[in-house]
Amino acid sequence: MRKIRISNCEPGMLLGRAIYNGSVILLESGAVLSRQYIDRLKELGVSEVYIEDDISDDLKINDAVNEATRREAVAFIKESMENYTSMQLLNSAEAIEIVNRIIEEILSSDDIIVNLMDIKTCDTYTYSHCVNVCILSIITGIKLNLGTVQLKELGVGALLHDIGKLMIPTDILMKKAALSSEEYDIIKEHSQHGYNILNRLPLISETSARVALEHHERFDGKGYPNGLRKDEIHLFSRIVAVTDIFDALTSNRIYREKISTNQAIEYLTFMAAPTLDASVLSCFVQIIPPFPIGTGVILNNGEKGVVITINRNYPTRPVVRLVFNADGSQKEFYEEINLAETSNYTIINNAELIR
């Protein structure tokens, strides 16, 4: 199984992973893509899909959590944000139950390196984003040696960090053009709205509610809503600040296209680093392989291949299955090369493997 852009899909390709619109399934795993299916997925803002072919049919990509758990979490966020009224509190017990299940599944995994396999549509970005941020935050918290109680508080805060957006007018939240300064000020109010909503819930701790309030605060004091600096920002909020940026960068938005995992890591490490907690960022980049399994890559000699194994100690130097020669011709026999065992080859960029 490997991921390719929807623009490069051709009728007859075999879908390697089911595609959902929120909690509603669009296409089952194993479906044969038709031109109609491909065009409809484009309309829904799906930019990539997983396919099965002879290049990658033996590759197994394990998500950080069970697909059923992920879908339930997305459905919960969607239901909570679409049906919220000031007279009806969110189901905090369900949120806690979902987070507990996510923690159990992550802790039972043999490998903490992350492969996030979620395929988002533009319409359901907010819901899937909340779940991804929750998963990434919990894994980062584990790497930081947080205890179980702390992980639960962190997870709940991360899952509900954007809940305040339900108070923002949809025409501003979904605007395709650049926001005016007045509209941006309204967007920024979601942090305080989120805190106010969560602070009313009997089962949600003050610490979890602070995540909603502080996840846009920055180490240099230039964040919002209160311009907090460094340790004035709770550790959980500092964790979510990192995971929130990463998932936003690697997701298609109405106003811009996603960037690759390695580009997002580079941005966090070099551009955003002064505004983030260095210890949190250091742990985070250790759990995110810059070139996940199933990613197409191009080497410095011009050959193209697909990542088939991550080297934990050398995440930038995975095992690559070489598929295409430098002249673009397909190899008669695929070769596998462990970049951690040679200095002759390096990955210079992502690449789409299209025959």
Protein backbone atom coordinates (compact mmCIF):
# COMPACT_ATOMS: atom_id res chain seq x y z
CA MET A 1 0.00 0.00 0.00
CA ARG A 2 1.26 3.46 -0.85
CA LYS A 3 -0.09 6.99 -1.05
CA ILE A 4 -0.46 8.93 -4.31
CA ARG A 5 -2.06 12.22 -5.26
CA ILE A 6 -5.65 12.02 -6.47
CA SER A 7 -4.57 13.95 -9.59
CA ASN A 8 -2.40 10.97 -10.55
CA CYS A 9 -5.07 8.32 -9.98
CA GLU A 10 -6.25 6.39 -13.01
CA PRO A 11 -9.41 4.30 -13.50
CA GLY A 12 -8.74 0.70 -12.57
CA MET A 13 -6.46 1.42 -9.61
CA LEU A 14 -7.24 -0.54 -6.44
CA LEU A 15 -7.99 1.46 -3.28
CA GLY A 16 -5.76 0.38 -0.41
CA ARG A 17 -7.58 2.09 2.46
CA ALA A 18 -11.18 3.16 2.97
CA ILE A 19 -12.02 6.85 2.52
CA TYR A 20 -14.39 8.61 4.89
CA ASN A 21 -16.16 11.94 4.89
CA GLY A 22 -16.19 12.48 8.63
CA SER A 23 -17.65 9.21 9.94
CA VAL A 24 -19.46 8.39 6.68
CA ILE A 25 -17.66 5.94 4.41
CA LEU A 26 -17.24 7.08 0.81
CA LEU A 27 -15.33 4.14 -0.63
CA GLU A 28 -14.38 0.82 0.93
CA SER A 29 -10.87 -0.57 0.91
CA GLY A 30 -10.44 -2.74 -2.18
CA ALA A 31 -12.75 -0.61 -4.34
CA VAL A 32 -11.72 -0.22 -7.97
CA LEU A 33 -11.39 3.47 -8.79
CA SER A 34 -13.49 4.71 -11.69
CA ARG A 35 -13.32 8.10 -13.38
CA GLN A 36 -16.56 9.05 -11.60
CA TYR A 37 -15.13 8.11 -8.20
CA ILE A 38 -11.91 10.01 -8.85
CA ASP A 39 -13.75 13.17 -9.94
CA ARG A 40 -16.07 13.01 -6.93
CA LEU A 41 -13.15 12.64 -4.51
CA LYS A 42 -11.55 15.71 -6.07
CA GLU A 43 -14.78 17.65 -5.57
CA LEU A 44 -14.76 16.70 -1.88
CA GLY A 45 -11.24 18.03 -1.45
CA VAL A 46 -9.52 14.65 -1.11
CA SER A 47 -5.96 15.21 -2.32
CA GLU A 48 -4.39 11.78 -1.78
CA VAL A 49 -5.44 8.15 -1.53
CA TYR A 50 -3.79 4.86 -0.67
CA ILE A 51 -3.56 2.33 -3.48
CA GLU A 52 -2.49 -1.29 -3.74
CA ASP A 53 -0.22 -2.30 -6.62
CA ASP A 54 2.79 -4.49 -7.31
CA ILE A 55 5.14 -1.74 -6.18
CA SER A 56 3.80 -1.80 -2.63
CA ASP A 57 1.30 -4.65 -2.21
CA ASP A 58 3.42 -6.18 0.58
CA LEU A 59 3.68 -2.92 2.57
CA LYS A 60 1.65 -2.81 5.76
CA ILE A 61 1.16 0.64 7.25
CA ASN A 62 -0.16 0.61 10.80
CA ASP A 63 -2.07 3.65 11.98
CA ALA A 64 -1.38 5.02 15.45
CA VAL A 65 -4.87 3.95 16.56
CA ASN A 66 -7.55 1.56 15.38
CA GLU A 67 -9.61 2.86 12.46
CA ALA A 68 -12.88 2.27 14.34
CA THR A 69 -11.63 4.32 17.30
CA ARG A 70 -10.53 7.13 14.98
CA ARG A 71 -13.92 7.22 13.24
CA GLU A 72 -15.76 7.25 16.56
CA ALA A 73 -13.62 10.15 17.74
CA VAL A 74 -14.22 12.10 14.52
CA ALA A 75 -17.97 11.45 14.78
CA PHE A 76 -17.98 12.65 18.39
CA ILE A 77 -16.24 15.93 17.52
CA LYS A 78 -18.52 16.46 14.53
CA GLU A 79 -21.67 15.80 16.56
CA SER A 80 -20.45 18.01 19.40
CA MET A 81 -19.61 20.97 17.17
CA GLU A 82 -22.65 20.77 14.92
CA ASN A 83 -25.28 20.29 17.61
CA TYR A 84 -23.92 22.38 20.47
CA THR A 85 -26.23 24.79 22.24
CA SER A 86 -25.51 26.83 25.34
CA MET A 87 -28.28 24.94 27.11
CA GLN A 88 -26.81 21.51 26.39
CA LEU A 89 -23.38 20.62 27.68
CA LEU A 90 -20.97 18.49 25.69
CA ASN A 91 -20.77 14.82 26.61
CA SER A 92 -17.54 15.01 28.57
CA ALA A 93 -17.82 11.39 29.71
CA GLU A 94 -17.73 10.24 26.07
CA ALA A 95 -14.73 12.45 25.36
CA ILE A 96 -12.85 10.92 28.30
CA GLU A 97 -13.82 7.39 27.22
CA ILE A 98 -12.53 8.00 23.69
CA VAL A 99 -9.25 9.44 24.99
CA ASN A 100 -8.79 6.48 27.34
CA ARG A 101 -9.22 4.09 24.42
CA ILE A 102 -6.73 6.04 22.28
CA ILE A 103 -4.16 5.92 25.09
CA GLU A 104 -4.65 2.17 25.58
CA GLU A 105 -4.19 1.47 21.88
CA ILE A 106 -1.08 3.62 21.61
CA LEU A 107 0.49 2.09 24.73
CA SER A 108 -0.20 -1.42 23.44
CA SER A 109 1.69 -0.71 20.22
CA ASP A 110 5.21 -2.07 19.82
CA ASP A 111 6.38 0.99 17.92
CA ILE A 112 5.77 4.59 18.91
CA ILE A 113 6.91 6.01 15.56
CA VAL A 114 3.86 7.55 13.95
CA ASN A 115 2.16 6.77 10.66
CA LEU A 116 -0.96 8.93 10.50
CA MET A 117 -3.07 7.37 7.75
CA ASP A 118 -6.07 9.66 7.96
CA ILE A 119 -7.35 10.95 4.61
CA LYS A 120 -9.23 14.19 5.22
CA THR A 121 -11.71 16.03 3.05
CA CYS A 122 -11.68 19.83 3.22
CA ASP A 123 -15.22 19.78 4.66
CA THR A 124 -14.23 17.60 7.63
CA TYR A 125 -10.79 19.06 8.29
CA THR A 126 -11.66 20.51 11.71
CA TYR A 127 -13.00 17.22 13.07
CA SER A 128 -10.16 15.02 11.80
CA HIS A 129 -7.63 17.66 12.83
CA CYS A 130 -8.81 17.52 16.45
CA VAL A 131 -8.38 13.73 16.51
CA ASN A 132 -4.94 13.84 14.89
CA VAL A 133 -3.78 16.51 17.34
CA CYS A 134 -5.04 14.33 20.20
CA ILE A 135 -3.13 11.27 18.95
CA LEU A 136 0.07 13.19 18.24
CA SER A 137 -0.09 14.97 21.60
CA ILE A 138 -0.53 11.74 23.55
CA ILE A 139 2.41 10.09 21.76
CA THR A 140 4.53 13.18 22.44
CA GLY A 141 3.45 13.06 26.08
CA ILE A 142 4.52 9.42 26.31
CA LYS A 143 7.90 10.38 24.87
CA LEU A 144 8.10 13.08 27.58
CA ASN A 145 7.42 10.38 30.23
CA LEU A 146 4.07 11.77 31.36
CA GLY A 147 2.04 9.55 33.70
CA THR A 148 -1.32 8.02 32.82
CA VAL A 149 -3.38 10.69 34.59
CA GLN A 150 -1.42 13.43 32.84
CA LEU A 151 -1.86 11.71 29.47
CA LYS A 152 -5.62 11.62 30.00
CA GLU A 153 -5.80 15.33 30.82
CA LEU A 154 -3.53 16.15 27.89
CA GLY A 155 -5.56 13.93 25.55
CA VAL A 156 -8.90 15.46 26.50
CA GLY A 157 -7.54 18.98 26.14
CA ALA A 158 -6.01 18.12 22.76
CA LEU A 159 -9.16 16.41 21.47
CA LEU A 160 -11.25 19.46 22.40
CA HIS A 161 -8.65 22.17 21.79
CA ASP A 162 -10.59 23.71 18.88
CA ILE A 163 -14.08 23.30 20.32
CA GLY A 164 -14.37 27.09 20.56
CA LYS A 165 -14.53 27.27 16.75
CA LEU A 166 -18.18 26.26 16.97
CA MET A 167 -18.79 29.83 18.15
CA ILE A 168 -17.11 31.36 15.08
CA PRO A 169 -19.32 32.28 12.10
CA THR A 170 -18.98 29.65 9.36
CA ASP A 171 -18.46 32.26 6.62
CA ILE A 172 -15.31 33.42 8.43
CA LEU A 173 -14.10 29.96 9.45
CA MET A 174 -14.46 28.60 5.89
CA LYS A 175 -13.44 31.71 3.99
CA LYS A 176 -11.24 30.92 0.97
CA ALA A 177 -9.75 34.39 0.61
CA ALA A 178 -7.40 36.11 3.03
CA LEU A 179 -9.02 37.20 6.29
CA SER A 180 -9.31 40.87 7.13
CA SER A 181 -7.75 42.00 10.42
CA GLU A 182 -11.24 42.19 11.93
CA GLU A 183 -12.07 38.65 10.79
CA TYR A 184 -8.77 37.34 12.14
CA ASP A 185 -9.55 38.93 15.50
CA ILE A 186 -12.84 37.01 15.51
CA ILE A 187 -11.04 33.75 14.67
CA LYS A 188 -8.67 34.31 17.59
CA GLU A 189 -11.64 34.42 19.97
CA HIS A 190 -12.05 30.64 19.60
CA SER A 191 -9.42 30.08 22.29
CA GLN A 192 -11.40 31.93 24.94
CA HIS A 193 -14.67 30.43 23.70
CA GLY A 194 -13.17 26.95 24.01
CA TYR A 195 -12.01 27.57 27.55
CA ASN A 196 -15.41 28.92 28.55
CA ILE A 197 -17.17 25.86 27.10
CA LEU A 198 -14.84 23.32 28.70
CA ASN A 199 -14.68 25.11 32.04
CA ARG A 200 -18.42 24.49 32.46
CA LEU A 201 -18.10 20.72 32.13
CA PRO A 202 -18.02 18.81 35.42
CA LEU A 203 -15.64 16.04 34.29
CA ILE A 204 -13.13 18.25 32.43
CA SER A 205 -10.17 19.45 34.49
CA GLU A 206 -8.95 23.02 34.57
CA THR A 207 -5.72 21.77 33.02
CA SER A 208 -7.54 20.33 30.00
CA ALA A 209 -9.54 23.53 29.60
CA ARG A 210 -6.30 25.53 29.63
CA VAL A 211 -5.18 23.69 26.50
CA ALA A 212 -8.11 25.20 24.58
CA LEU A 213 -7.21 28.63 25.97
CA GLU A 214 -3.44 28.52 25.47
CA HIS A 215 -2.66 26.40 22.39
CA HIS A 216 -1.98 29.55 20.34
CA GLU A 217 0.29 31.10 22.98
CA ARG A 218 3.93 31.20 21.92
CA PHE A 219 7.25 30.96 23.77
CA ASP A 220 8.29 34.44 22.59
CA GLY A 221 5.12 36.06 23.97
CA LYS A 222 3.68 36.84 20.53
CA GLY A 223 0.79 34.38 20.69
CA TYR A 224 -2.80 34.85 21.80
CA PRO A 225 -5.08 35.46 23.66
CA ASN A 226 -2.92 36.63 26.59
CA GLY A 227 0.61 36.94 25.23
CA LEU A 228 2.01 34.41 27.69
CA ARG A 229 5.70 33.52 27.57
CA LYS A 230 7.70 30.32 28.17
CA ASP A 231 6.73 28.57 31.44
CA GLU A 232 3.68 30.80 31.84
CA ILE A 233 2.18 28.46 29.22
CA HIS A 234 1.16 25.05 30.57
CA LEU A 235 3.23 22.11 29.31
CA PHE A 236 0.13 20.49 27.77
CA SER A 237 -0.59 23.68 25.83
CA ARG A 238 3.02 23.76 24.62
CA ILE A 239 2.66 20.19 23.36
CA VAL A 240 -0.57 20.95 21.51
CA ALA A 241 0.99 24.08 20.01
CA VAL A 242 3.48 21.84 18.21
CA THR A 243 1.08 19.10 17.12
CA ASP A 244 -1.55 21.63 16.03
CA ILE A 245 0.89 23.38 13.69
CA PHE A 246 2.21 20.10 12.29
CA ASP A 247 -1.20 18.65 11.45
CA ALA A 248 -2.37 21.95 9.95
CA LEU A 249 0.69 22.13 7.71
CA THR A 250 0.27 18.53 6.49
CA SER A 251 -3.45 18.94 5.73
CA ASN A 252 -5.15 20.51 2.73
CA ARG A 253 -6.99 23.67 3.68
CA ILE A 254 -9.52 25.71 1.76
CA TYR A 255 -6.94 28.45 1.17
CA ARG A 256 -3.76 26.39 0.59
CA GLU A 257 -2.39 22.97 -0.21
CA LYS A 258 -0.65 20.72 2.32
CA ILE A 259 3.08 20.29 2.50
CA SER A 260 4.96 17.01 2.93
CA THR A 261 5.92 15.54 6.30
CA ASN A 262 9.62 16.30 5.84
CA GLN A 263 8.83 19.90 4.83
CA ALA A 264 6.62 20.33 7.91
CA ILE A 265 9.36 19.00 10.19
CA GLU A 266 11.85 21.36 8.55
CA TYR A 267 9.47 24.29 9.09
CA LEU A 268 8.97 23.42 12.76
CA THR A 269 12.68 22.90 13.32
CA PHE A 270 14.00 26.02 11.61
CA MET A 271 11.18 28.55 11.14
CA ALA A 272 8.84 28.03 14.07
CA ALA A 273 11.39 26.77 16.62
CA PRO A 274 11.91 30.14 18.42
CA THR A 275 8.19 30.28 19.21
CA LEU A 276 7.90 26.71 20.52
CA ASP A 277 9.15 24.71 23.50
CA ALA A 278 12.48 23.20 22.38
CA SER A 279 12.17 20.11 24.62
CA VAL A 280 8.68 19.35 23.29
CA LEU A 281 9.77 19.92 19.70
CA SER A 282 12.78 17.65 20.16
CA CYS A 283 10.56 14.79 21.38
CA PHE A 284 8.02 15.38 18.65
CA VAL A 285 10.45 15.12 15.74
CA GLN A 286 11.66 11.80 17.15
CA ILE A 287 8.23 10.21 16.70
CA ILE A 288 7.50 11.55 13.21
CA PRO A 289 9.49 9.94 10.40
CA PRO A 290 10.13 12.58 7.72
CA PHE A 291 9.52 9.96 5.03
CA PRO A 292 6.75 7.63 6.27
CA ILE A 293 6.30 4.09 4.95
CA GLY A 294 4.67 4.15 1.52
CA THR A 295 6.12 7.55 0.63
CA GLY A 296 7.59 7.95 -2.85
CA VAL A 297 11.08 9.48 -2.86
CA ILE A 298 13.80 10.51 -5.30
CA LEU A 299 17.47 9.87 -4.53
CA ASN A 300 20.48 12.01 -5.34
CA ASN A 301 21.31 9.76 -8.32
CA GLY A 302 17.89 10.42 -9.87
CA GLU A 303 16.41 7.00 -9.10
CA LYS A 304 12.92 6.86 -7.58
CA GLY A 305 11.48 4.44 -5.10
CA VAL A 306 9.11 3.89 -2.17
CA VAL A 307 9.97 3.83 1.54
CA ILE A 308 9.38 0.34 2.92
CA THR A 309 10.99 0.46 6.39
CA ILE A 310 11.85 3.22 8.87
CA ASN A 311 15.23 3.04 10.60
CA ARG A 312 14.40 4.18 14.13
CA ASN A 313 17.91 5.46 14.87
CA TYR A 314 18.27 7.11 11.46
CA PRO A 315 14.76 8.27 10.48
CA THR A 316 16.02 10.37 7.56
CA ARG A 317 17.67 7.27 6.08
CA PRO A 318 14.98 4.60 5.62
CA VAL A 319 15.00 1.44 3.53
CA VAL A 320 13.87 2.30 -0.01
CA ARG A 321 12.58 0.00 -2.73
CA LEU A 322 13.95 1.40 -5.98
CA VAL A 323 11.37 1.25 -8.79
CA PHE A 324 12.49 3.68 -11.51
CA ASN A 325 15.88 4.33 -13.07
CA ALA A 326 17.27 7.85 -13.35
CA ASP A 327 16.07 8.04 -16.99
CA GLY A 328 12.48 7.38 -15.86
CA SER A 329 12.31 3.78 -17.08
CA GLN A 330 10.91 1.17 -14.75
CA LYS A 331 13.40 -1.31 -13.34
CA GLU A 332 13.00 -4.89 -14.48
CA PHE A 333 13.59 -6.03 -10.92
CA TYR A 334 12.97 -3.81 -7.90
CA GLU A 335 16.01 -3.23 -5.70
CA GLU A 336 16.00 -2.49 -1.98
CA ILE A 337 18.62 -0.25 -0.44
CA ASN A 338 19.13 0.56 3.24
CA LEU A 339 20.23 4.19 3.30
CA ALA A 340 21.46 3.77 6.88
CA GLU A 341 24.12 1.39 5.59
CA THR A 342 25.53 3.56 2.80
CA SER A 343 26.73 7.12 2.45
CA ASN A 344 26.44 7.12 -1.33
CA TYR A 345 22.73 7.85 -1.50
CA THR A 346 20.47 10.44 0.07
CA ILE A 347 16.82 11.37 -0.34
CA ILE A 348 16.57 14.75 -2.01
CA ASN A 349 12.79 15.05 -2.25
CA ASN A 350 9.42 13.36 -2.28
CA ALA A 351 8.43 11.83 -5.60
CA GLU A 352 5.28 10.44 -7.15
CA LEU A 353 5.70 6.94 -8.58
CA ILE A 354 3.55 6.87 -11.72
CA ARG A 355 3.94 4.30 -14.47
